[in-house]
C-alpha atoms as a PDB file:
ATOM      1  CA  MET A   1      56.728 107.556  97.021  1.00  0.00           C
ATOM      2  CA  LEU A   2      55.865 103.966  96.325  1.00  0.00           C
ATOM      3  CA  ASP A   3      54.047 102.852  93.198  1.00  0.00           C
ATOM      4  CA  ARG A   4      52.940  99.482  94.540  1.00  0.00           C
ATOM      5  CA  VAL A   5      53.303  97.129  97.492  1.00  0.00           C
ATOM      6  CA  ILE A   6      53.782  93.454  96.722  1.00  0.00           C
ATOM      7  CA  SER A   7      54.020  90.248  98.751  1.00  0.00           C
ATOM      8  CA  ARG A   8      56.880  87.807  98.369  1.00  0.00           C
ATOM      9  CA  ASP A   9      54.578  85.188  96.839  1.00  0.00           C
ATOM     10  CA  ASP A  10      53.207  87.626  94.273  1.00  0.00           C
ATOM     11  CA  LEU A  11      56.720  88.794  93.462  1.00  0.00           C
ATOM     12  CA  HIS A  12      57.824  85.215  92.866  1.00  0.00           C
ATOM     13  CA  ALA A  13      54.856  84.704  90.565  1.00  0.00           C
ATOM     14  CA  LEU A  14      55.878  87.745  88.529  1.00  0.00           C
ATOM     15  CA  ILE A  15      59.482  86.565  88.349  1.00  0.00           C
ATOM     16  CA  ASP A  16      58.369  83.109  87.230  1.00  0.00           C
ATOM     17  CA  GLY A  17      56.465  84.837  84.457  1.00  0.00           C
ATOM     18  CA  LEU A  18      59.647  86.662  83.448  1.00  0.00           C
ATOM     19  CA  ALA A  19      61.472  83.333  83.280  1.00  0.00           C
ATOM     20  CA  LEU A  20      59.049  82.168  80.597  1.00  0.00           C
ATOM     21  CA  GLN A  21      59.992  85.117  78.397  1.00  0.00           C
ATOM     22  CA  ARG A  22      63.609  85.868  79.265  1.00  0.00           C
ATOM     23  CA  ARG A  23      66.798  84.280  80.493  1.00  0.00           C
ATOM     24  CA  LEU A  24      66.586  84.782  84.258  1.00  0.00           C
ATOM     25  CA  ILE A  25      69.739  85.851  86.146  1.00  0.00           C
ATOM     26  CA  GLY A  26      69.927  86.460  89.877  1.00  0.00           C
ATOM     27  CA  PRO A  27      71.799  85.898  93.163  1.00  0.00           C
ATOM     28  CA  VAL A  28      72.323  82.242  94.052  1.00  0.00           C
ATOM     29  CA  VAL A  29      74.155  80.873  97.081  1.00  0.00           C
ATOM     30  CA  ARG A  30      77.043  78.436  96.640  1.00  0.00           C
ATOM     31  CA  LYS A  31      78.783  76.443  99.326  1.00  0.00           C
ATOM     32  CA  ALA A  32      82.360  77.586  99.941  1.00  0.00           C
ATOM     33  CA  PRO A  33      83.817  75.535 102.837  1.00  0.00           C
ATOM     34  CA  GLU A  34      87.156  77.327 102.565  1.00  0.00           C
ATOM     35  CA  CYS A  35      85.521  80.710 103.265  1.00  0.00           C
ATOM     36  CA  ARG A  36      84.161  82.323 106.398  1.00  0.00           C
ATOM     37  CA  PRO A  37      81.171  82.243 106.361  1.00  0.00           C
ATOM     38  CA  PRO A  38      81.203  78.999 104.321  1.00  0.00           C
ATOM     39  CA  TRP A  39      79.082  80.288 101.433  1.00  0.00           C
ATOM     40  CA  ARG A  40      79.205  82.929  98.735  1.00  0.00           C
ATOM     41  CA  TYR A  41      76.646  84.480  96.390  1.00  0.00           C
ATOM     42  CA  PHE A  42      76.969  84.646  92.614  1.00  0.00           C
ATOM     43  CA  TYR A  43      74.781  85.966  89.821  1.00  0.00           C
ATOM     44  CA  GLN A  44      73.900  83.021  87.620  1.00  0.00           C
ATOM     45  CA  PRO A  45      71.084  81.744  85.384  1.00  0.00           C
ATOM     46  CA  VAL A  46      68.116  80.114  87.125  1.00  0.00           C
ATOM     47  CA  ASP A  47      64.802  78.634  86.006  1.00  0.00           C
ATOM     48  CA  ARG A  48      62.430  79.974  88.644  1.00  0.00           C
ATOM     49  CA  ALA A  49      62.150  82.508  91.436  1.00  0.00           C
ATOM     50  CA  GLU A  50      62.504  80.061  94.323  1.00  0.00           C
ATOM     51  CA  GLN A  51      66.124  79.454  93.301  1.00  0.00           C
ATOM     52  CA  LEU A  52      66.972  83.102  93.996  1.00  0.00           C
ATOM     53  CA  ASP A  53      68.002  84.497  97.360  1.00  0.00           C
ATOM     54  CA  LEU A  54      66.896  88.128  97.324  1.00  0.00           C
ATOM     55  CA  SER A  55      68.039  88.620 100.930  1.00  0.00           C
ATOM     56  CA  PHE A  56      71.656  87.982  99.882  1.00  0.00           C
ATOM     57  CA  SER A  57      74.499  90.035 101.331  1.00  0.00           C
ATOM     58  CA  TYR A  58      76.655  90.638  98.251  1.00  0.00           C
ATOM     59  CA  CYS A  59      77.694  88.764  95.122  1.00  0.00           C
ATOM     60  CA  VAL A  60      81.377  88.077  94.523  1.00  0.00           C
ATOM     61  CA  TYR A  61      81.040  89.470  91.005  1.00  0.00           C
ATOM     62  CA  SER A  62      78.670  92.156  89.817  1.00  0.00           C
ATOM     63  CA  PRO A  63      76.138  91.454  87.034  1.00  0.00           C
ATOM     64  CA  LYS A  64      78.446  93.273  84.595  1.00  0.00           C
ATOM     65  CA  PRO A  65      79.505  90.074  82.733  1.00  0.00           C
ATOM     66  CA  PHE A  66      75.935  89.597  81.506  1.00  0.00           C
ATOM     67  CA  LEU A  67      76.022  93.016  79.841  1.00  0.00           C
ATOM     68  CA  PHE A  68      79.720  93.207  78.972  1.00  0.00           C
ATOM     69  CA  PRO A  69      81.093  89.635  78.741  1.00  0.00           C
ATOM     70  CA  PRO A  70      84.732  88.829  79.586  1.00  0.00           C
ATOM     71  CA  GLN A  71      85.114  87.468  76.034  1.00  0.00           C
ATOM     72  CA  GLU A  72      82.933  87.862  72.969  1.00  0.00           C
ATOM     73  CA  THR A  73      83.047  87.691  69.186  1.00  0.00           C
ATOM     74  CA  LEU A  74      82.375  91.100  67.653  1.00  0.00           C
ATOM     75  CA  PHE A  75      82.128  89.950  64.057  1.00  0.00           C
ATOM     76  CA  GLN A  76      83.177  87.237  61.657  1.00  0.00           C
ATOM     77  CA  PHE A  77      84.835  88.068  58.363  1.00  0.00           C
ATOM     78  CA  GLU A  78      85.573  86.236  55.135  1.00  0.00           C
ATOM     79  CA  ARG A  79      87.153  86.926  51.785  1.00  0.00           C
ATOM     80  CA  VAL A  80      84.626  87.584  49.006  1.00  0.00           C
ATOM     81  CA  ASP A  81      85.465  88.699  45.432  1.00  0.00           C
ATOM     82  CA  GLY A  82      88.905  89.944  46.329  1.00  0.00           C
ATOM     83  CA  GLY A  83      87.732  91.833  49.425  1.00  0.00           C
ATOM     84  CA  PHE A  84      86.391  91.053  52.862  1.00  0.00           C
ATOM     85  CA  THR A  85      82.875  91.111  54.264  1.00  0.00           C
ATOM     86  CA  ALA A  86      82.040  91.218  57.964  1.00  0.00           C
ATOM     87  CA  ARG A  87      79.004  89.868  59.806  1.00  0.00           C
ATOM     88  CA  PRO A  88      78.407  91.411  63.250  1.00  0.00           C
ATOM     89  CA  GLN A  89      77.638  88.943  66.037  1.00  0.00           C
ATOM     90  CA  LEU A  90      75.054  90.720  68.179  1.00  0.00           C
ATOM     91  CA  ALA A  91      73.780  88.940  71.288  1.00  0.00           C
ATOM     92  CA  ASP A  92      70.253  90.232  71.817  1.00  0.00           C
ATOM     93  CA  ARG A  93      68.700  87.418  73.834  1.00  0.00           C
ATOM     94  CA  PRO A  94      66.037  88.834  76.191  1.00  0.00           C
ATOM     95  CA  THR A  95      67.415  88.731  79.739  1.00  0.00           C
ATOM     96  CA  ALA A  96      66.154  89.662  83.197  1.00  0.00           C
ATOM     97  CA  LEU A  97      68.593  90.632  85.955  1.00  0.00           C
ATOM     98  CA  VAL A  98      66.777  90.235  89.269  1.00  0.00           C
ATOM     99  CA  GLY A  99      68.229  91.240  92.621  1.00  0.00           C
ATOM    100  CA  VAL A 100      70.664  94.007  91.703  1.00  0.00           C
ATOM    101  CA  HIS A 101      71.847  96.139  94.615  1.00  0.00           C
ATOM    102  CA  PRO A 102      72.116  99.953  94.367  1.00  0.00           C
ATOM    103  CA  CYS A 103      75.912  99.971  94.054  1.00  0.00           C
ATOM    104  CA  ASP A 104      75.722  97.742  90.992  1.00  0.00           C
ATOM    105  CA  LEU A 105      72.855  99.782  89.547  1.00  0.00           C
ATOM    106  CA  ASN A 106      75.075 102.853  89.786  1.00  0.00           C
ATOM    107  CA  ALA A 107      77.843 100.898  88.061  1.00  0.00           C
ATOM    108  CA  ILE A 108      75.473  99.903  85.255  1.00  0.00           C
ATOM    109  CA  GLN A 109      74.571 103.558  84.779  1.00  0.00           C
ATOM    110  CA  LEU A 110      78.254 104.327  84.215  1.00  0.00           C
ATOM    111  CA  LEU A 111      78.587 101.473  81.723  1.00  0.00           C
ATOM    112  CA  ASP A 112      75.470 102.740  79.948  1.00  0.00           C
ATOM    113  CA  HIS A 113      77.017 106.196  79.654  1.00  0.00           C
ATOM    114  CA  VAL A 114      80.379 104.954  78.407  1.00  0.00           C
ATOM    115  CA  PHE A 115      79.116 102.415  75.881  1.00  0.00           C
ATOM    116  CA  SER A 116      76.285 104.633  74.630  1.00  0.00           C
ATOM    117  CA  ALA A 117      78.469 107.666  73.865  1.00  0.00           C
ATOM    118  CA  ALA A 118      79.055 108.198  70.160  1.00  0.00           C
ATOM    119  CA  PRO A 119      80.008 106.004  68.489  1.00  0.00           C
ATOM    120  CA  ALA A 120      77.771 103.715  70.538  1.00  0.00           C
ATOM    121  CA  ASP A 121      78.944 100.171  71.187  1.00  0.00           C
ATOM    122  CA  ARG A 122      76.419  98.062  69.266  1.00  0.00           C
ATOM    123  CA  HIS A 123      77.250  94.883  71.137  1.00  0.00           C
ATOM    124  CA  TYR A 124      76.746  96.390  74.585  1.00  0.00           C
ATOM    125  CA  ARG A 125      73.597  98.202  73.497  1.00  0.00           C
ATOM    126  CA  ALA A 126      72.128  95.025  71.987  1.00  0.00           C
ATOM    127  CA  ARG A 127      72.389  93.313  75.368  1.00  0.00           C
ATOM    128  CA  ARG A 128      71.377  96.318  77.439  1.00  0.00           C
ATOM    129  CA  ASP A 129      68.321  97.140  75.334  1.00  0.00           C
ATOM    130  CA  ASN A 130      67.097  93.578  75.818  1.00  0.00           C
ATOM    131  CA  THR A 131      67.750  93.451  79.567  1.00  0.00           C
ATOM    132  CA  PHE A 132      65.046  93.997  82.185  1.00  0.00           C
ATOM    133  CA  ILE A 133      66.457  94.921  85.606  1.00  0.00           C
ATOM    134  CA  VAL A 134      64.826  94.431  88.998  1.00  0.00           C
ATOM    135  CA  GLY A 135      66.782  96.074  91.797  1.00  0.00           C
ATOM    136  CA  VAL A 136      66.663  95.192  95.491  1.00  0.00           C
ATOM    137  CA  ASP A 137      67.589  97.832  98.041  1.00  0.00           C
ATOM    138  CA  CYS A 138      70.057  97.327 100.889  1.00  0.00           C
ATOM    139  CA  ALA A 139      68.712  98.192 104.325  1.00  0.00           C
ATOM    140  CA  ARG A 140      72.197  97.991 105.823  1.00  0.00           C
ATOM    141  CA  PRO A 141      75.806  97.575 104.621  1.00  0.00           C
ATOM    142  CA  CYS A 142      76.136  94.211 102.905  1.00  0.00           C
ATOM    143  CA  THR A 143      79.475  93.505 104.597  1.00  0.00           C
ATOM    144  CA  ASP A 144      82.358  95.186 106.410  1.00  0.00           C
ATOM    145  CA  GLY A 145      84.618  97.499 104.453  1.00  0.00           C
ATOM    146  CA  VAL A 146      82.115  98.928 101.984  1.00  0.00           C
ATOM    147  CA  PHE A 147      82.054 102.707 101.562  1.00  0.00           C
ATOM    148  CA  CYS A 148      79.079 103.076  99.243  1.00  0.00           C
ATOM    149  CA  ALA A 149      77.445 105.646 101.536  1.00  0.00           C
ATOM    150  CA  ASP A 150      80.420 107.971 101.064  1.00  0.00           C
ATOM    151  CA  LEU A 151      79.799 107.871  97.313  1.00  0.00           C
ATOM    152  CA  ASP A 152      75.986 107.994  97.513  1.00  0.00           C
ATOM    153  CA  SER A 153      75.848 104.685  95.656  1.00  0.00           C
ATOM    154  CA  HIS A 154      73.964 102.978  98.486  1.00  0.00           C
ATOM    155  CA  GLU A 155      70.909 104.611  96.913  1.00  0.00           C
ATOM    156  CA  ALA A 156      69.460 103.674  93.534  1.00  0.00           C
ATOM    157  CA  HIS A 157      69.302 106.703  91.241  1.00  0.00           C
ATOM    158  CA  GLY A 158      68.291 104.862  88.077  1.00  0.00           C
ATOM    159  CA  GLY A 159      69.366 101.980  85.888  1.00  0.00           C
ATOM    160  CA  PHE A 160      66.422  99.792  86.917  1.00  0.00           C
ATOM    161  CA  ASP A 161      62.984  98.950  85.569  1.00  0.00           C
ATOM    162  CA  VAL A 162      61.616  98.063  89.001  1.00  0.00           C
ATOM    163  CA  MET A 163      63.130  98.748  92.426  1.00  0.00           C
ATOM    164  CA  LEU A 164      62.149  96.693  95.481  1.00  0.00           C
ATOM    165  CA  TYR A 165      62.361  97.906  99.082  1.00  0.00           C
ATOM    166  CA  PRO A 166      61.895  95.416 101.962  1.00  0.00           C
ATOM    167  CA  LEU A 167      59.118  96.770 104.171  1.00  0.00           C
ATOM    168  CA  ASP A 168      58.712  94.242 106.965  1.00  0.00           C
ATOM    169  CA  GLY A 169      62.239  94.376 108.344  1.00  0.00           C
ATOM    170  CA  ASP A 170      64.492  97.095 109.674  1.00  0.00           C
ATOM    171  CA  ALA A 171      68.066  98.197 109.283  1.00  0.00           C
ATOM    172  CA  GLU A 172      69.176  96.230 112.325  1.00  0.00           C
ATOM    173  CA  SER A 173      67.959  92.788 111.288  1.00  0.00           C
ATOM    174  CA  ALA A 174      69.958  90.805 108.761  1.00  0.00           C
ATOM    175  CA  GLY A 175      69.532  87.510 107.000  1.00  0.00           C
ATOM    176  CA  THR A 176      65.746  87.508 107.008  1.00  0.00           C
ATOM    177  CA  THR A 177      63.646  87.185 103.875  1.00  0.00           C
ATOM    178  CA  PRO A 178      61.140  90.054 103.563  1.00  0.00           C
ATOM    179  CA  GLY A 179      57.487  89.120 103.211  1.00  0.00           C
ATOM    180  CA  ARG A 180      56.504  92.413 101.577  1.00  0.00           C
ATOM    181  CA  TYR A 181      58.258  94.864  99.290  1.00  0.00           C
ATOM    182  CA  GLY A 182      57.638  98.438  98.351  1.00  0.00           C
ATOM    183  CA  VAL A 183      57.827  98.861  94.586  1.00  0.00           C
ATOM    184  CA  VAL A 184      59.093 101.860  92.614  1.00  0.00           C
ATOM    185  CA  PHE A 185      58.800 101.871  88.831  1.00  0.00           C
ATOM    186  CA  GLY A 186      61.903 102.967  86.932  1.00  0.00           C
ATOM    187  CA  SER A 187      60.552 102.557  83.416  1.00  0.00           C
ATOM    188  CA  ARG A 188      57.334 102.070  81.513  1.00  0.00           C
ATOM    189  CA  ALA A 189      58.228  98.398  81.052  1.00  0.00           C
ATOM    190  CA  GLY A 190      58.638  98.033  84.803  1.00  0.00           C
ATOM    191  CA  GLY A 191      55.223  99.490  85.512  1.00  0.00           C
ATOM    192  CA  GLU A 192      53.579  97.293  82.898  1.00  0.00           C
ATOM    193  CA  TRP A 193      55.271  94.186  84.317  1.00  0.00           C
ATOM    194  CA  VAL A 194      53.653  94.722  87.709  1.00  0.00           C
ATOM    195  CA  ARG A 195      50.308  96.154  86.608  1.00  0.00           C
ATOM    196  CA  TYR A 196      49.647  93.761  83.735  1.00  0.00           C
ATOM    197  CA  GLY A 197      50.717  90.865  85.930  1.00  0.00           C
ATOM    198  CA  ARG A 198      47.824  91.808  88.214  1.00  0.00           C
ATOM    199  CA  ARG A 199      50.062  91.527  91.243  1.00  0.00           C
ATOM    200  CA  GLY A 200      50.618  93.972  94.060  1.00  0.00           C
ATOM    201  CA  GLU A 201      48.441  96.625  95.640  1.00  0.00           C
ATOM    202  CA  VAL A 202      48.225 100.394  95.637  1.00  0.00           C
ATOM    203  CA  PRO A 203      50.179 101.570  98.715  1.00  0.00           C
ATOM    204  CA  THR A 204      48.181 102.853 101.662  1.00  0.00           C
ATOM    205  CA  ALA A 205      49.111 105.727 103.951  1.00  0.00           C
ATOM    206  CA  ALA A 206      50.385 103.127 106.423  1.00  0.00           C
ATOM    207  CA  ASP A 207      52.613 101.642 103.721  1.00  0.00           C
ATOM    208  CA  GLU A 208      54.075 105.075 102.984  1.00  0.00           C
ATOM    209  CA  ARG A 209      54.793 105.599 106.686  1.00  0.00           C
ATOM    210  CA  THR A 210      56.513 102.218 106.810  1.00  0.00           C
ATOM    211  CA  PHE A 211      58.593 103.182 103.782  1.00  0.00           C
ATOM    212  CA  ASP A 212      59.504 106.511 105.379  1.00  0.00           C
ATOM    213  CA  ARG A 213      60.610 104.709 108.557  1.00  0.00           C
ATOM    214  CA  TYR A 214      62.645 102.276 106.459  1.00  0.00           C
ATOM    215  CA  GLN A 215      64.472 105.160 104.782  1.00  0.00           C
ATOM    216  CA  ARG A 216      65.213 106.862 108.111  1.00  0.00           C
ATOM    217  CA  GLN A 217      66.617 103.641 109.556  1.00  0.00           C
ATOM    218  CA  LYS A 218      68.727 103.123 106.474  1.00  0.00           C
ATOM    219  CA  ARG A 219      70.297 106.576 106.748  1.00  0.00           C
ATOM    220  CA  THR A 220      71.594 105.750 110.222  1.00  0.00           C
ATOM    221  CA  ALA A 221      72.671 102.200 109.326  1.00  0.00           C
ATOM    222  CA  PHE A 222      75.340 103.169 106.790  1.00  0.00           C
ATOM    223  CA  PRO A 223      78.596 104.516 108.256  1.00  0.00           C
ATOM    224  CA  HIS A 224      80.985 106.848 106.457  1.00  0.00           C
ATOM    225  CA  ALA A 225      84.598 105.749 106.058  1.00  0.00           C
ATOM    226  CA  LEU A 226      86.301 108.480 104.007  1.00  0.00           C
ATOM    227  CA  LYS A 227      87.976 111.435 105.725  1.00  0.00           C
ATOM    228  CA  THR A 228      87.624 113.493 102.544  1.00  0.00           C
ATOM    229  CA  PRO A 229      84.170 114.100 101.024  1.00  0.00           C
ATOM    230  CA  ALA A 230      83.767 112.178  97.775  1.00  0.00           C
ATOM    231  CA  ASP A 231      83.281 115.372  95.761  1.00  0.00           C
ATOM    232  CA  GLU A 232      86.727 116.544  96.896  1.00  0.00           C
ATOM    233  CA  LEU A 233      88.616 113.359  95.962  1.00  0.00           C
ATOM    234  CA  PRO A 234      89.630 114.705  92.511  1.00  0.00           C
ATOM    235  CA  GLN A 235      91.276 117.716  94.166  1.00  0.00           C
ATOM    236  CA  LEU A 236      92.920 115.487  96.772  1.00  0.00           C
ATOM    237  CA  LEU A 237      94.447 113.317  94.061  1.00  0.00           C
ATOM    238  CA  GLU A 238      95.538 116.380  92.080  1.00  0.00           C
ATOM    239  CA  ARG A 239      97.740 117.298  95.053  1.00  0.00           C
ATOM    240  CA  SER A 240      98.963 113.737  95.646  1.00  0.00           C
ATOM    241  CA  TYR A 241     100.487 112.683  92.337  1.00  0.00           C
ATOM    242  CA  ASP A 242     104.041 112.604  93.744  1.00  0.00           C
ATOM    243  CA  SER A 243     103.113 111.087  97.099  1.00  0.00           C
ATOM    244  CA  LEU A 244     105.458 108.428  98.459  1.00  0.00           C
ATOM    245  CA  LEU A 245     102.367 106.424  99.374  1.00  0.00           C
ATOM    246  CA  TRP A 246     102.061 104.982  95.853  1.00  0.00           C
ATOM    247  CA  GLU A 247     105.460 103.317  96.004  1.00  0.00           C
ATOM    248  CA  ALA A 248     105.064 102.196  99.604  1.00  0.00           C
ATOM    249  CA  THR A 249     101.661 100.602  98.979  1.00  0.00           C
ATOM    250  CA  ALA A 250     102.543  99.071  95.611  1.00  0.00           C
ATOM    251  CA  ARG A 251     105.424  97.103  97.122  1.00  0.00           C
ATOM    252  CA  ARG A 252     102.742  94.653  98.244  1.00  0.00           C
ATOM    253  CA  CYS A 253     101.022  94.496  94.836  1.00  0.00           C
ATOM    254  CA  TYR A 254     101.387  91.276  92.806  1.00  0.00           C
ATOM    255  CA  SER A 255      99.984  92.877  89.631  1.00  0.00           C
ATOM    256  CA  CYS A 256      97.529  89.978  89.465  1.00  0.00           C
ATOM    257  CA  GLY A 257      94.599  92.073  88.238  1.00  0.00           C
ATOM    258  CA  SER A 258      92.094  90.643  90.736  1.00  0.00           C
ATOM    259  CA  CYS A 259      90.858  94.159  91.490  1.00  0.00           C
ATOM    260  CA  ASN A 260      90.134  94.758  87.793  1.00  0.00           C
ATOM    261  CA  LEU A 261      88.428  91.387  87.470  1.00  0.00           C
ATOM    262  CA  VAL A 262      85.828  91.980  90.178  1.00  0.00           C
ATOM    263  CA  CYS A 263      85.275  95.711  89.661  1.00  0.00           C
ATOM    264  CA  PRO A 264      81.751  96.554  88.414  1.00  0.00           C
ATOM    265  CA  THR A 265      82.939  99.724  86.648  1.00  0.00           C
ATOM    266  CA  CYS A 266      86.107  98.545  84.880  1.00  0.00           C
ATOM    267  CA  TYR A 267      85.453  98.549  81.148  1.00  0.00           C
ATOM    268  CA  CYS A 268      88.881  98.387  79.463  1.00  0.00           C
ATOM    269  CA  PHE A 269      89.271  95.729  76.800  1.00  0.00           C
ATOM    270  CA  ASP A 270      91.647  94.352  74.191  1.00  0.00           C
ATOM    271  CA  ILE A 271      90.860  93.358  70.605  1.00  0.00           C
ATOM    272  CA  LYS A 272      92.371  90.396  68.767  1.00  0.00           C
ATOM    273  CA  ASP A 273      91.790  88.924  65.320  1.00  0.00           C
ATOM    274  CA  GLN A 274      91.786  85.155  64.888  1.00  0.00           C
ATOM    275  CA  THR A 275      92.180  84.059  61.270  1.00  0.00           C
ATOM    276  CA  THR A 276      91.897  80.748  59.492  1.00  0.00           C
ATOM    277  CA  LEU A 277      95.087  79.022  58.383  1.00  0.00           C
ATOM    278  CA  GLY A 278      94.441  80.012  54.783  1.00  0.00           C
ATOM    279  CA  GLY A 279      93.758  83.637  55.656  1.00  0.00           C
ATOM    280  CA  ASP A 280      90.353  83.559  53.971  1.00  0.00           C
ATOM    281  CA  GLY A 281      88.378  84.444  57.065  1.00  0.00           C
ATOM    282  CA  GLY A 282      88.293  84.670  60.805  1.00  0.00           C
ATOM    283  CA  GLN A 283      86.760  86.550  63.681  1.00  0.00           C
ATOM    284  CA  ARG A 284      87.459  89.609  65.749  1.00  0.00           C
ATOM    285  CA  ARG A 285      87.354  88.946  69.489  1.00  0.00           C
ATOM    286  CA  ARG A 286      87.063  91.308  72.420  1.00  0.00           C
ATOM    287  CA  GLN A 287      88.248  90.423  75.906  1.00  0.00           C
ATOM    288  CA  TRP A 288      88.607  92.280  79.171  1.00  0.00           C
ATOM    289  CA  ASP A 289      91.922  93.927  79.962  1.00  0.00           C
ATOM    290  CA  GLY A 290      93.132  95.390  83.249  1.00  0.00           C
ATOM    291  CA  CYS A 291      95.294  98.399  84.072  1.00  0.00           C
ATOM    292  CA  GLN A 292      97.029  96.526  86.922  1.00  0.00           C
ATOM    293  CA  LEU A 293      98.493  93.907  84.582  1.00  0.00           C
ATOM    294  CA  ARG A 294     102.141  94.422  83.669  1.00  0.00           C
ATOM    295  CA  GLY A 295     101.563  94.537  79.931  1.00  0.00           C
ATOM    296  CA  PHE A 296      98.552  96.852  79.919  1.00  0.00           C
ATOM    297  CA  ALA A 297     100.487  99.996  78.946  1.00  0.00           C
ATOM    298  CA  GLN A 298     103.149  98.272  76.848  1.00  0.00           C
ATOM    299  CA  VAL A 299     103.289  99.421  73.228  1.00  0.00           C
ATOM    300  CA  ALA A 300     105.000  98.305  70.022  1.00  0.00           C
ATOM    301  CA  GLY A 301     108.751  98.288  70.433  1.00  0.00           C
ATOM    302  CA  GLY A 302     108.495  97.039  73.996  1.00  0.00           C
ATOM    303  CA  HIS A 303     108.242 100.344  75.864  1.00  0.00           C
ATOM    304  CA  ASN A 304     105.949 100.235  78.887  1.00  0.00           C
ATOM    305  CA  PHE A 305     104.507 103.559  80.015  1.00  0.00           C
ATOM    306  CA  ARG A 306     103.622 102.143  83.427  1.00  0.00           C
ATOM    307  CA  SER A 307     106.222  99.489  84.077  1.00  0.00           C
ATOM    308  CA  ARG A 308     106.256 100.012  87.861  1.00  0.00           C
ATOM    309  CA  PRO A 309     103.469  98.697  90.107  1.00  0.00           C
ATOM    310  CA  ALA A 310     103.300 102.103  91.809  1.00  0.00           C
ATOM    311  CA  ALA A 311     102.450 103.807  88.517  1.00  0.00           C
ATOM    312  CA  ARG A 312      99.751 101.229  87.804  1.00  0.00           C
ATOM    313  CA  LEU A 313      98.227 101.550  91.274  1.00  0.00           C
ATOM    314  CA  ARG A 314      98.162 105.336  91.017  1.00  0.00           C
ATOM    315  CA  HIS A 315      96.582 105.091  87.571  1.00  0.00           C
ATOM    316  CA  ARG A 316      93.746 102.887  88.863  1.00  0.00           C
ATOM    317  CA  ILE A 317      92.971 105.141  91.822  1.00  0.00           C
ATOM    318  CA  TYR A 318      93.114 108.279  89.686  1.00  0.00           C
ATOM    319  CA  ARG A 319      90.853 106.734  87.088  1.00  0.00           C
ATOM    320  CA  LYS A 320      88.262 105.621  89.621  1.00  0.00           C
ATOM    321  CA  ALA A 321      88.110 108.777  91.728  1.00  0.00           C
ATOM    322  CA  LYS A 322      89.220 111.563  89.396  1.00  0.00           C
ATOM    323  CA  TRP A 323      89.397 111.008  85.649  1.00  0.00           C
ATOM    324  CA  ILE A 324      86.088 109.195  85.102  1.00  0.00           C
ATOM    325  CA  ARG A 325      84.292 111.761  87.275  1.00  0.00           C
ATOM    326  CA  GLU A 326      85.812 114.651  85.327  1.00  0.00           C
ATOM    327  CA  ARG A 327      85.008 113.058  81.986  1.00  0.00           C
ATOM    328  CA  THR A 328      81.489 111.742  82.599  1.00  0.00           C
ATOM    329  CA  GLY A 329      80.187 113.481  85.716  1.00  0.00           C
ATOM    330  CA  LEU A 330      79.632 110.027  87.214  1.00  0.00           C
ATOM    331  CA  ARG A 331      81.627 108.217  89.867  1.00  0.00           C
ATOM    332  CA  GLY A 332      84.115 105.649  88.631  1.00  0.00           C
ATOM    333  CA  CYS A 333      83.926 103.815  91.956  1.00  0.00           C
ATOM    334  CA  VAL A 334      80.727 102.765  93.725  1.00  0.00           C
ATOM    335  CA  GLY A 335      82.303 101.767  97.040  1.00  0.00           C
ATOM    336  CA  CYS A 336      81.401  98.072  96.852  1.00  0.00           C
ATOM    337  CA  ALA A 337      84.929  97.161  98.094  1.00  0.00           C
ATOM    338  CA  ARG A 338      85.094  94.084  95.865  1.00  0.00           C
ATOM    339  CA  CYS A 339      88.627  95.119  94.910  1.00  0.00           C
ATOM    340  CA  ASP A 340      89.679  95.203  98.559  1.00  0.00           C
ATOM    341  CA  ARG A 341      88.176  91.781  99.277  1.00  0.00           C
ATOM    342  CA  ALA A 342      89.790  90.261  96.174  1.00  0.00           C
ATOM    343  CA  CYS A 343      93.240  91.742  96.750  1.00  0.00           C
ATOM    344  CA  THR A 344      95.704  89.054  97.824  1.00  0.00           C
ATOM    345  CA  ALA A 345      98.030  91.781  99.148  1.00  0.00           C
ATOM    346  CA  ARG A 346      95.284  93.354 101.298  1.00  0.00           C
ATOM    347  CA  ILE A 347      95.596  96.760  99.626  1.00  0.00           C
ATOM    348  CA  ASN A 348      92.683  98.852 100.867  1.00  0.00           C
ATOM    349  CA  THR A 349      91.171 101.706  98.869  1.00  0.00           C
ATOM    350  CA  VAL A 350      89.761 103.607 101.839  1.00  0.00           C
ATOM    351  CA  GLU A 351      93.139 103.468 103.573  1.00  0.00           C
ATOM    352  CA  ILE A 352      94.773 104.985 100.485  1.00  0.00           C
ATOM    353  CA  TYR A 353      92.341 107.907 100.386  1.00  0.00           C
ATOM    354  CA  ASN A 354      92.557 108.511 104.127  1.00  0.00           C
ATOM    355  CA  GLN A 355      96.355 108.347 104.217  1.00  0.00           C
ATOM    356  CA  LEU A 356      96.548 110.822 101.343  1.00  0.00           C
ATOM    357  CA  THR A 357      94.178 113.076 103.282  1.00  0.00           C
ATOM    358  CA  GLU A 358      96.500 113.002 106.287  1.00  0.00           C
ATOM    359  CA  GLU A 359      99.490 113.845 104.084  1.00  0.00           C
ATOM    360  CA  VAL A 360      98.030 117.055 102.723  1.00  0.00           C
END
């Protein structure tokens, strides 16, 4: 059921109010003449709602970098009285992420689970606790190749303060900006944002029927690509560890790490200390790492536990579809297909799963 119905103009007024209180992040179109079509969408800071395009298809990167930055200083340290003292560097600037699709909301829920488990990551939590999230539903697949419906990540199950559903379009029309949205509150803060802003209306019976029709159209608009049900992927991979497919597919892999870079659920990182020349102080830095990079599994002494591209590819697939699910109960892949679009070797995740299905 809907909590409110809101017009585009009223929504923009609410978002402009957010921008006065928080750093505003949302989908913005950039020209990309070398691409087809010649534009791409990116999450980036804006000053007002009219700069956002909430009818966007997909963003090249997820909003993950605004919660878990590619590089950050964890703490600074200095020598004091023969010992060292450390000062944590916590980034707690109030932020609003507006226009987050369901797949990325599901990814944020996984990050929340991982970084909140004891001992909780203070730096992630400082950002997350100060982030207000407005989701926007997808009426249809954002582009070819996605398999979010197979993983049930085309639906928002949480991770948002407010969720918006376009009500004056249908699953067959694309590229149009909705004039009205159905609103679902995901948190107390989300409800207060809409109610205290004195925007929106209580949904009527006609609005609920429109929302019901929207949901029915959406169910038929999303195709399924996997030959194995998502819940059975861990068992499929359990039987496929020694498959020849890993070696055959990895022959095309450049080990560039593009798949790790764009993935909304990758959360591996490396830690490095940078000290002053005199050794009296410095800072500890965290930066993203990726399991497809050659040196990811290399340890002291030079041994590399996954020196072959095939071993690294298998590790990534197992982690996304098996190990994270077994450890957290959540899916390690949301089916956004960013990895497939970014791969210079055209390695396709769905093809891997389906070929393994045919083997067994």
